PDB file of N, CA and C in Angstrom:
ATOM      1  N   MET A   1       0.972  -6.917 -10.904  1.00  0.00           N
ATOM      2  CA  MET A   1       2.621  -6.792 -10.596  1.00  0.00           C
ATOM      3  C   MET A   1       3.589  -7.262  -9.505  1.00  0.00           C
ATOM      4  N   ASN A   2       4.129  -7.396 -10.197  1.00  0.00           N
ATOM      5  CA  ASN A   2       5.383  -8.202  -8.935  1.00  0.00           C
ATOM      6  C   ASN A   2       6.686  -7.783  -8.843  1.00  0.00           C
ATOM      7  N   LEU A   3       7.889  -7.528  -7.219  1.00  0.00           N
ATOM      8  CA  LEU A   3       8.035  -6.888  -6.276  1.00  0.00           C
ATOM      9  C   LEU A   3       9.303  -6.049  -7.570  1.00  0.00           C
ATOM     10  N   LYS A   4       9.504  -7.528  -8.304  1.00  0.00           N
ATOM     11  CA  LYS A   4      11.302  -7.390  -8.931  1.00  0.00           C
ATOM     12  C   LYS A   4      10.283  -6.304 -10.586  1.00  0.00           C
ATOM     13  N   LYS A   5       9.607  -6.709 -10.755  1.00  0.00           N
ATOM     14  CA  LYS A   5       8.317  -5.559 -12.017  1.00  0.00           C
ATOM     15  C   LYS A   5       8.729  -3.866 -11.875  1.00  0.00           C
ATOM     16  N   LEU A   6       8.262  -4.082 -10.235  1.00  0.00           N
ATOM     17  CA  LEU A   6       7.758  -3.171  -9.667  1.00  0.00           C
ATOM     18  C   LEU A   6       9.273  -2.119  -9.083  1.00  0.00           C
ATOM     19  N   THR A   7       9.688  -2.756  -8.355  1.00  0.00           N
ATOM     20  CA  THR A   7      11.404  -1.953  -8.512  1.00  0.00           C
ATOM     21  C   THR A   7      12.212  -1.231 -10.057  1.00  0.00           C
ATOM     22  N   ALA A   8      11.998  -2.216 -10.656  1.00  0.00           N
ATOM     23  CA  ALA A   8      12.914  -2.178 -12.130  1.00  0.00           C
ATOM     24  C   ALA A   8      11.956  -0.886 -12.634  1.00  0.00           C
ATOM     25  N   ILE A   9      10.172  -0.552 -12.938  1.00  0.00           N
ATOM     26  CA  ILE A   9       9.555   0.669 -12.670  1.00  0.00           C
ATOM     27  C   ILE A   9       9.668   2.110 -12.255  1.00  0.00           C
ATOM     28  N   VAL A  10      10.239   1.728 -10.796  1.00  0.00           N
ATOM     29  CA  VAL A  10      10.472   2.612  -9.942  1.00  0.00           C
ATOM     30  C   VAL A  10      11.569   3.722 -10.813  1.00  0.00           C
ATOM     31  N   ARG A  11      12.719   2.702 -10.932  1.00  0.00           N
ATOM     32  CA  ARG A  11      14.371   4.089 -11.058  1.00  0.00           C
ATOM     33  C   ARG A  11      13.787   4.346 -11.979  1.00  0.00           C
ATOM     34  N   GLN A  12      12.333   4.380 -13.202  1.00  0.00           N
ATOM     35  CA  GLN A  12      12.368   4.831 -13.893  1.00  0.00           C
ATOM     36  C   GLN A  12      11.449   6.207 -14.466  1.00  0.00           C
ATOM     37  N   THR A  13      10.638   6.121 -13.814  1.00  0.00           N
ATOM     38  CA  THR A  13       9.331   6.553 -13.625  1.00  0.00           C
ATOM     39  C   THR A  13       9.013   7.181 -11.772  1.00  0.00           C
ATOM     40  N   PRO A  14       8.786   7.928 -11.751  1.00  0.00           N
ATOM     41  CA  PRO A  14       7.414   8.366  -9.773  1.00  0.00           C
ATOM     42  C   PRO A  14       6.668   6.951 -10.675  1.00  0.00           C
ATOM     43  N   VAL A  15       6.811   6.037  -8.593  1.00  0.00           N
ATOM     44  CA  VAL A  15       5.661   5.815  -8.647  1.00  0.00           C
ATOM     45  C   VAL A  15       4.651   6.148  -7.431  1.00  0.00           C
ATOM     46  N   HIS A  16       3.650   6.103  -7.656  1.00  0.00           N
ATOM     47  CA  HIS A  16       2.454   6.124  -5.921  1.00  0.00           C
ATOM     48  C   HIS A  16       2.324   4.603  -5.360  1.00  0.00           C
ATOM     49  N   LEU A  17       3.034   4.324  -3.713  1.00  0.00           N
ATOM     50  CA  LEU A  17       2.560   3.316  -3.140  1.00  0.00           C
ATOM     51  C   LEU A  17       1.276   3.993  -2.076  1.00  0.00           C
ATOM     52  N   GLU A  18       0.470   3.427  -2.169  1.00  0.00           N
ATOM     53  CA  GLU A  18       0.210   2.984  -0.812  1.00  0.00           C
ATOM     54  C   GLU A  18      -0.181   1.605  -0.511  1.00  0.00           C
ATOM     55  N   LEU A  19      -0.140   1.770   1.487  1.00  0.00           N
ATOM     56  CA  LEU A  19      -0.355  -0.165   2.260  1.00  0.00           C
ATOM     57  C   LEU A  19      -1.959   0.832   2.061  1.00  0.00           C
ATOM     58  N   ILE A  20      -2.368  -0.532   1.858  1.00  0.00           N
ATOM     59  CA  ILE A  20      -4.043  -0.143   2.565  1.00  0.00           C
ATOM     60  C   ILE A  20      -5.187  -0.892   3.418  1.00  0.00           C
ATOM     61  N   SER A  21      -4.243  -0.687   4.830  1.00  0.00           N
ATOM     62  CA  SER A  21      -4.913  -1.281   6.321  1.00  0.00           C
ATOM     63  C   SER A  21      -5.876  -2.149   5.543  1.00  0.00           C
ATOM     64  N   ALA A  22      -6.911  -3.409   5.476  1.00  0.00           N
ATOM     65  CA  ALA A  22      -8.368  -3.892   5.447  1.00  0.00           C
ATOM     66  C   ALA A  22      -8.462  -5.119   6.015  1.00  0.00           C
ATOM     67  N   GLU A  23      -9.265  -5.410   7.460  1.00  0.00           N
ATOM     68  CA  GLU A  23      -9.584  -5.875   8.025  1.00  0.00           C
ATOM     69  C   GLU A  23      -8.434  -6.525   9.675  1.00  0.00           C
ATOM     70  N   GLY A  24      -8.265  -4.574   9.847  1.00  0.00           N
ATOM     71  CA  GLY A  24      -7.392  -4.929  11.107  1.00  0.00           C
ATOM     72  C   GLY A  24      -5.805  -4.938  10.975  1.00  0.00           C
ATOM     73  N   ASP A  25      -5.594  -6.440  10.265  1.00  0.00           N
ATOM     74  CA  ASP A  25      -3.757  -7.254   9.963  1.00  0.00           C
ATOM     75  C   ASP A  25      -3.750  -7.874   8.526  1.00  0.00           C
ATOM     76  N   ILE A  26      -4.326  -7.079   7.886  1.00  0.00           N
ATOM     77  CA  ILE A  26      -4.000  -7.617   6.204  1.00  0.00           C
ATOM     78  C   ILE A  26      -4.618  -6.581   6.453  1.00  0.00           C
ATOM     79  N   TYR A  27      -3.147  -6.018   4.529  1.00  0.00           N
ATOM     80  CA  TYR A  27      -2.950  -5.388   4.459  1.00  0.00           C
ATOM     81  C   TYR A  27      -2.120  -5.046   3.479  1.00  0.00           C
ATOM     82  N   LEU A  28      -2.613  -4.556   1.753  1.00  0.00           N
ATOM     83  CA  LEU A  28      -2.397  -4.535   0.971  1.00  0.00           C
ATOM     84  C   LEU A  28      -1.949  -4.132  -0.634  1.00  0.00           C
ATOM     85  N   CYS A  29      -0.642  -4.081  -0.834  1.00  0.00           N
ATOM     86  CA  CYS A  29      -0.004  -2.495  -1.127  1.00  0.00           C
ATOM     87  C   CYS A  29      -0.499  -2.699  -2.739  1.00  0.00           C
ATOM     88  N   ARG A  30      -1.175  -1.166  -2.834  1.00  0.00           N
ATOM     89  CA  ARG A  30      -1.852  -0.564  -3.595  1.00  0.00           C
ATOM     90  C   ARG A  30      -0.847   0.349  -4.933  1.00  0.00           C
ATOM     91  N   ILE A  31      -0.838   0.231  -6.781  1.00  0.00           N
ATOM     92  CA  ILE A  31       1.230   0.534  -6.653  1.00  0.00           C
ATOM     93  C   ILE A  31      -0.089   1.606  -7.638  1.00  0.00           C
ATOM     94  N   ASN A  32      -0.044   3.040  -8.307  1.00  0.00           N
ATOM     95  CA  ASN A  32      -0.665   4.620  -8.024  1.00  0.00           C
ATOM     96  C   ASN A  32      -2.348   4.088  -8.749  1.00  0.00           C
ATOM     97  N   ASP A  33      -3.234   3.895  -7.636  1.00  0.00           N
ATOM     98  CA  ASP A  33      -4.437   3.965  -7.707  1.00  0.00           C
ATOM     99  C   ASP A  33      -5.345   2.680  -9.190  1.00  0.00           C
ATOM    100  N   LYS A  34      -4.206   1.848  -8.926  1.00  0.00           N
ATOM    101  CA  LYS A  34      -4.507   0.384  -9.957  1.00  0.00           C
ATOM    102  C   LYS A  34      -5.016  -0.732  -9.746  1.00  0.00           C
ATOM    103  N   GLU A  35      -3.210  -1.366  -9.607  1.00  0.00           N
ATOM    104  CA  GLU A  35      -2.947  -2.061  -9.843  1.00  0.00           C
ATOM    105  C   GLU A  35      -2.543  -2.925  -7.544  1.00  0.00           C
ATOM    106  N   TRP A  36      -2.275  -3.805  -8.597  1.00  0.00           N
ATOM    107  CA  TRP A  36      -1.769  -4.437  -6.875  1.00  0.00           C
ATOM    108  C   TRP A  36      -0.894  -5.152  -6.684  1.00  0.00           C
ATOM    109  N   LEU A  37       0.085  -4.735  -5.507  1.00  0.00           N
ATOM    110  CA  LEU A  37       1.968  -5.953  -5.595  1.00  0.00           C
ATOM    111  C   LEU A  37       0.893  -7.370  -5.480  1.00  0.00           C
ATOM    112  N   THR A  38       1.097  -8.007  -6.834  1.00  0.00           N
ATOM    113  CA  THR A  38       1.145  -9.502  -6.553  1.00  0.00           C
ATOM    114  C   THR A  38       2.280 -10.166  -6.478  1.00  0.00           C
ATOM    115  N   ASP A  39       2.011 -11.402  -5.855  1.00  0.00           N
ATOM    116  CA  ASP A  39       3.060 -12.567  -5.455  1.00  0.00           C
ATOM    117  C   ASP A  39       4.218 -13.421  -6.528  1.00  0.00           C
ATOM    118  N   GLY A  40       4.463 -13.066  -6.552  1.00  0.00           N
ATOM    119  CA  GLY A  40       5.397 -14.167  -7.887  1.00  0.00           C
ATOM    120  C   GLY A  40       4.434 -13.554  -9.395  1.00  0.00           C
ATOM    121  N   SER A  41       3.962 -13.720  -9.675  1.00  0.00           N
ATOM    122  CA  SER A  41       3.149 -14.134 -11.099  1.00  0.00           C
ATOM    123  C   SER A  41       2.199 -14.711 -10.648  1.00  0.00           C
ATOM    124  N   GLU A  42       1.836 -14.663  -9.558  1.00  0.00           N
ATOM    125  CA  GLU A  42       0.356 -14.809  -9.255  1.00  0.00           C
ATOM    126  C   GLU A  42      -0.716 -13.377 -10.049  1.00  0.00           C
ATOM    127  N   GLU A  43      -2.409 -13.783  -9.518  1.00  0.00           N
ATOM    128  CA  GLU A  43      -3.198 -12.296 -10.277  1.00  0.00           C
ATOM    129  C   GLU A  43      -3.192 -11.342  -8.459  1.00  0.00           C
ATOM    130  N   LYS A  44      -2.965 -12.991  -7.649  1.00  0.00           N
ATOM    131  CA  LYS A  44      -4.035 -12.543  -6.841  1.00  0.00           C
ATOM    132  C   LYS A  44      -3.041 -11.400  -6.043  1.00  0.00           C
ATOM    133  N   PRO A  45      -3.276  -9.945  -4.934  1.00  0.00           N
ATOM    134  CA  PRO A  45      -3.040  -9.721  -4.182  1.00  0.00           C
ATOM    135  C   PRO A  45      -1.766 -10.032  -2.862  1.00  0.00           C
ATOM    136  N   LYS A  46      -0.465  -9.456  -2.858  1.00  0.00           N
ATOM    137  CA  LYS A  46       0.489 -10.563  -1.786  1.00  0.00           C
ATOM    138  C   LYS A  46      -0.474  -9.132  -0.897  1.00  0.00           C
ATOM    139  N   ILE A  47      -0.028 -10.834   0.689  1.00  0.00           N
ATOM    140  CA  ILE A  47      -1.377 -10.054   1.930  1.00  0.00           C
ATOM    141  C   ILE A  47       0.129 -10.003   3.409  1.00  0.00           C
ATOM    142  N   PHE A  48      -0.311  -8.633   3.122  1.00  0.00           N
ATOM    143  CA  PHE A  48       0.890  -8.832   4.427  1.00  0.00           C
ATOM    144  C   PHE A  48       0.431  -8.516   5.764  1.00  0.00           C
ATOM    145  N   HIS A  49       0.694  -8.333   6.503  1.00  0.00           N
ATOM    146  CA  HIS A  49       0.435  -8.372   8.035  1.00  0.00           C
ATOM    147  C   HIS A  49       0.663  -7.786   9.175  1.00  0.00           C
ATOM    148  N   SER A  50       1.330  -6.664   8.539  1.00  0.00           N
ATOM    149  CA  SER A  50       2.127  -5.778   9.167  1.00  0.00           C
ATOM    150  C   SER A  50       2.537  -5.011   8.817  1.00  0.00           C
ATOM    151  N   ILE A  51       2.897  -3.493   9.476  1.00  0.00           N
ATOM    152  CA  ILE A  51       3.389  -2.495   8.574  1.00  0.00           C
ATOM    153  C   ILE A  51       4.788  -2.866   7.768  1.00  0.00           C
ATOM    154  N   PHE A  52       5.733  -3.199   9.643  1.00  0.00           N
ATOM    155  CA  PHE A  52       7.124  -3.821   8.903  1.00  0.00           C
ATOM    156  C   PHE A  52       6.997  -4.701   8.270  1.00  0.00           C
ATOM    157  N   GLU A  53       6.124  -5.747   8.155  1.00  0.00           N
ATOM    158  CA  GLU A  53       6.586  -6.596   7.518  1.00  0.00           C
ATOM    159  C   GLU A  53       5.715  -6.360   5.018  1.00  0.00           C
ATOM    160  N   ALA A  54       4.990  -4.985   5.301  1.00  0.00           N
ATOM    161  CA  ALA A  54       5.218  -4.627   3.927  1.00  0.00           C
ATOM    162  C   ALA A  54       6.585  -3.282   3.391  1.00  0.00           C
ATOM    163  N   LYS A  55       7.078  -3.777   4.967  1.00  0.00           N
ATOM    164  CA  LYS A  55       8.694  -2.278   5.131  1.00  0.00           C
ATOM    165  C   LYS A  55       9.827  -3.481   4.440  1.00  0.00           C
ATOM    166  N   HIS A  56       9.847  -4.177   5.194  1.00  0.00           N
ATOM    167  CA  HIS A  56      11.290  -5.447   4.985  1.00  0.00           C
ATOM    168  C   HIS A  56      10.924  -6.113   3.798  1.00  0.00           C
ATOM    169  N   THR A  57      10.071  -6.578   3.331  1.00  0.00           N
ATOM    170  CA  THR A  57       9.460  -6.983   1.634  1.00  0.00           C
ATOM    171  C   THR A  57       9.474  -5.962   0.703  1.00  0.00           C
ATOM    172  N   LEU A  58       9.776  -4.635   0.554  1.00  0.00           N
ATOM    173  CA  LEU A  58       9.330  -4.304   0.233  1.00  0.00           C
ATOM    174  C   LEU A  58      11.278  -3.207  -0.380  1.00  0.00           C
ATOM    175  N   GLY A  59      11.825  -3.208   1.185  1.00  0.00           N
ATOM    176  CA  GLY A  59      13.239  -2.255   0.987  1.00  0.00           C
ATOM    177  C   GLY A  59      12.420  -1.255   0.772  1.00  0.00           C
ATOM    178  N   LYS A  60      13.705  -0.322   2.283  1.00  0.00           N
ATOM    179  CA  LYS A  60      13.601   1.168   1.687  1.00  0.00           C
ATOM    180  C   LYS A  60      13.566   1.994   1.532  1.00  0.00           C
ATOM    181  N   GLU A  61      14.244   2.004   0.135  1.00  0.00           N
ATOM    182  CA  GLU A  61      14.247   2.369  -1.313  1.00  0.00           C
ATOM    183  C   GLU A  61      12.362   2.530  -1.718  1.00  0.00           C
ATOM    184  N   LEU A  62      11.316   1.512  -1.554  1.00  0.00           N
ATOM    185  CA  LEU A  62       9.961   1.711  -1.774  1.00  0.00           C
ATOM    186  C   LEU A  62       9.099   1.711  -1.342  1.00  0.00           C
ATOM    187  N   SER A  63       9.428   1.912   0.660  1.00  0.00           N
ATOM    188  CA  SER A  63       9.259   1.501   1.452  1.00  0.00           C
ATOM    189  C   SER A  63       9.315   3.229   2.175  1.00  0.00           C
ATOM    190  N   ASP A  64       9.895   3.664   1.821  1.00  0.00           N
ATOM    191  CA  ASP A  64      10.175   4.912   1.187  1.00  0.00           C
ATOM    192  C   ASP A  64       9.097   6.585   1.059  1.00  0.00           C
ATOM    193  N   GLN A  65       8.433   6.271   0.125  1.00  0.00           N
ATOM    194  CA  GLN A  65       7.342   6.347  -1.094  1.00  0.00           C
ATOM    195  C   GLN A  65       6.380   5.927  -0.263  1.00  0.00           C
ATOM    196  N   LEU A  66       5.695   4.642   0.683  1.00  0.00           N
ATOM    197  CA  LEU A  66       5.296   3.737   1.173  1.00  0.00           C
ATOM    198  C   LEU A  66       4.089   5.337   1.914  1.00  0.00           C
ATOM    199  N   ASP A  67       2.869   5.359   1.457  1.00  0.00           N
ATOM    200  CA  ASP A  67       1.662   6.159   1.896  1.00  0.00           C
ATOM    201  C   ASP A  67       0.664   5.357   2.485  1.00  0.00           C
ATOM    202  N   MET A  68       0.402   5.095   4.037  1.00  0.00           N
ATOM    203  CA  MET A  68      -1.032   4.473   5.015  1.00  0.00           C
ATOM    204  C   MET A  68      -1.571   4.559   4.639  1.00  0.00           C
ATOM    205  N   VAL A  69      -2.950   4.190   3.736  1.00  0.00           N
ATOM    206  CA  VAL A  69      -4.352   4.741   3.832  1.00  0.00           C
ATOM    207  C   VAL A  69      -5.012   3.621   4.778  1.00  0.00           C
ATOM    208  N   MET A  70      -6.094   4.691   6.127  1.00  0.00           N
ATOM    209  CA  MET A  70      -6.655   3.622   6.680  1.00  0.00           C
ATOM    210  C   MET A  70      -8.361   4.140   6.696  1.00  0.00           C
ATOM    211  N   SER A  71      -8.804   2.848   7.247  1.00  0.00           N
ATOM    212  CA  SER A  71     -10.266   3.126   6.790  1.00  0.00           C
ATOM    213  C   SER A  71     -10.932   3.463   7.860  1.00  0.00           C
ATOM    214  N   THR A  72     -11.699   4.369   8.137  1.00  0.00           N
ATOM    215  CA  THR A  72     -12.136   4.402   9.810  1.00  0.00           C
ATOM    216  C   THR A  72     -13.648   3.234  10.235  1.00  0.00           C
ATOM    217  N   THR A  73     -14.124   2.529  11.063  1.00  0.00           N
ATOM    218  CA  THR A  73     -15.781   1.809  11.436  1.00  0.00           C
ATOM    219  C   THR A  73     -16.345   2.275  10.457  1.00  0.00           C
ATOM    220  N   TYR A  74     -16.454   3.802  10.525  1.00  0.00           N
ATOM    221  CA  TYR A  74     -17.311   4.718  10.478  1.00  0.00           C
ATOM    222  C   TYR A  74     -17.843   4.441   8.471  1.00  0.00           C
ATOM    223  N   ASP A  75     -16.863   4.412   8.048  1.00  0.00           N
ATOM    224  CA  ASP A  75     -16.865   4.581   6.525  1.00  0.00           C
ATOM    225  C   ASP A  75     -17.697   4.774   5.589  1.00  0.00           C
ATOM    226  N   GLU A  76     -18.229   3.659   5.809  1.00  0.00           N
ATOM    227  CA  GLU A  76     -19.525   3.255   4.934  1.00  0.00           C
ATOM    228  C   GLU A  76     -20.422   3.683   5.050  1.00  0.00           C
ATOM    229  N   MET A  77     -20.627   3.950   7.037  1.00  0.00           N
ATOM    230  CA  MET A  77     -22.191   4.483   7.229  1.00  0.00           C
ATOM    231  C   MET A  77     -22.571   6.276   7.080  1.00  0.00           C
ATOM    232  N   ILE A  78     -21.042   6.557   6.798  1.00  0.00           N
ATOM    233  CA  ILE A  78     -20.995   7.984   6.192  1.00  0.00           C
ATOM    234  C   ILE A  78     -20.669   8.756   4.709  1.00  0.00           C
ATOM    235  N   SER A  79     -20.846   7.830   4.446  1.00  0.00           N
ATOM    236  CA  SER A  79     -19.708   7.669   2.966  1.00  0.00           C
ATOM    237  C   SER A  79     -19.402   8.164   2.862  1.00  0.00           C
ATOM    238  N   SER A  80     -17.468   7.806   3.762  1.00  0.00           N
ATOM    239  CA  SER A  80     -16.638   8.274   3.640  1.00  0.00           C
ATOM    240  C   SER A  80     -15.775   7.179   2.822  1.00  0.00           C
ATOM    241  N   GLY A  81     -14.476   7.441   2.622  1.00  0.00           N
ATOM    242  CA  GLY A  81     -14.245   6.276   2.435  1.00  0.00           C
ATOM    243  C   GLY A  81     -12.331   7.078   1.434  1.00  0.00           C
ATOM    244  N   ASP A  82     -11.775   6.116   0.288  1.00  0.00           N
ATOM    245  CA  ASP A  82     -10.911   6.173  -0.459  1.00  0.00           C
ATOM    246  C   ASP A  82     -11.335   5.902  -1.615  1.00  0.00           C
ATOM    247  N   THR A  83     -11.967   7.338  -1.871  1.00  0.00           N
ATOM    248  CA  THR A  83     -12.739   8.555  -3.460  1.00  0.00           C
ATOM    249  C   THR A  83     -12.357  10.089  -2.979  1.00  0.00           C
ATOM    250  N   PRO A  84     -11.910   9.941  -4.515  1.00  0.00           N
ATOM    251  CA  PRO A  84     -11.967  10.997  -4.732  1.00  0.00           C
ATOM    252  C   PRO A  84     -11.803  12.551  -3.733  1.00  0.00           C
ATOM    253  N   ASN A  85     -13.467  11.997  -3.708  1.00  0.00           N
ATOM    254  CA  ASN A  85     -14.281  13.287  -2.048  1.00  0.00           C
ATOM    255  C   ASN A  85     -14.286  12.507  -1.246  1.00  0.00           C
ATOM    256  N   ASN A  86     -14.415  11.983  -0.261  1.00  0.00           N
ATOM    257  CA  ASN A  86     -13.989  11.510   0.864  1.00  0.00           C
ATOM    258  C   ASN A  86     -12.870  11.265   0.773  1.00  0.00           C
ATOM    259  N   GLN A  87     -11.944  11.295   1.269  1.00  0.00           N
ATOM    260  CA  GLN A  87     -10.145  10.801   1.834  1.00  0.00           C
ATOM    261  C   GLN A  87     -10.106   9.541   3.097  1.00  0.00           C
ATOM    262  N   SER A  88     -10.273   8.824   2.674  1.00  0.00           N
ATOM    263  CA  SER A  88      -9.622   7.720   4.099  1.00  0.00           C
ATOM    264  C   SER A  88      -8.436   8.314   4.698  1.00  0.00           C
ATOM    265  N   ILE A  89      -7.747   7.990   5.403  1.00  0.00           N
ATOM    266  CA  ILE A  89      -6.832   9.122   7.005  1.00  0.00           C
ATOM    267  C   ILE A  89      -6.106   8.162   5.948  1.00  0.00           C
ATOM    268  N   ARG A  90      -5.084   8.571   5.831  1.00  0.00           N
ATOM    269  CA  ARG A  90      -3.898   8.499   4.819  1.00  0.00           C
ATOM    270  C   ARG A  90      -2.482   8.867   5.582  1.00  0.00           C
ATOM    271  N   HIS A  91      -1.186   8.063   5.764  1.00  0.00           N
ATOM    272  CA  HIS A  91      -0.350   8.747   6.834  1.00  0.00           C
ATOM    273  C   HIS A  91       0.614   7.949   5.901  1.00  0.00           C
ATOM    274  N   GLY A  92       2.509   8.791   6.054  1.00  0.00           N
ATOM    275  CA  GLY A  92       3.643   8.248   5.820  1.00  0.00           C
ATOM    276  C   GLY A  92       3.880   7.673   6.200  1.00  0.00           C
ATOM    277  N   LEU A  93       4.854   6.861   5.912  1.00  0.00           N
ATOM    278  CA  LEU A  93       5.690   5.750   6.410  1.00  0.00           C
ATOM    279  C   LEU A  93       7.237   5.616   6.083  1.00  0.00           C
ATOM    280  N   SER A  94       7.648   6.857   5.850  1.00  0.00           N
ATOM    281  CA  SER A  94       8.812   6.600   5.547  1.00  0.00           C
ATOM    282  C   SER A  94       9.732   6.692   7.190  1.00  0.00           C
ATOM    283  N   LYS A  95       8.457   7.070   8.051  1.00  0.00           N
ATOM    284  CA  LYS A  95       9.075   7.445   9.745  1.00  0.00           C
ATOM    285  C   LYS A  95       9.556   6.537  10.355  1.00  0.00           C
ATOM    286  N   ILE A  96       8.319   5.531  10.256  1.00  0.00           N
ATOM    287  CA  ILE A  96       8.588   4.480  11.352  1.00  0.00           C
ATOM    288  C   ILE A  96       9.998   2.930  10.632  1.00  0.00           C
ATOM    289  N   ASP A  97      10.635   2.871  12.359  1.00  0.00           N
ATOM    290  CA  ASP A  97      11.586   1.945  11.733  1.00  0.00           C
ATOM    291  C   ASP A  97      11.261   0.705  11.206  1.00  0.00           C
ATOM    292  N   GLN A  98      11.977  -0.190  10.936  1.00  0.00           N
ATOM    293  CA  GLN A  98      12.377  -1.192   9.938  1.00  0.00           C
ATOM    294  C   GLN A  98      12.580  -2.660  11.467  1.00  0.00           C
TER     295      GLN A  98
END
């Protein structure tokens, strides 16, 4: 889903947004636990290189709803992660200044 479509949907219905931390300096935006924010009409997920870049691109209305999901170094080894039973570390991003 691209940013224009996401913005239109958010105005009509609540949406769960997550900024997924991957590989340290790569961030992806997940929508409602199933879709990724895409760049334009492409099917590939939009890649952000910082939290601030993501917040700037999404704008205040969307970024205030954004949760940061971070995996830890040992998630694979101890079978934790972003699953219903073993949640990754999550932080609300609405307090971080742009």
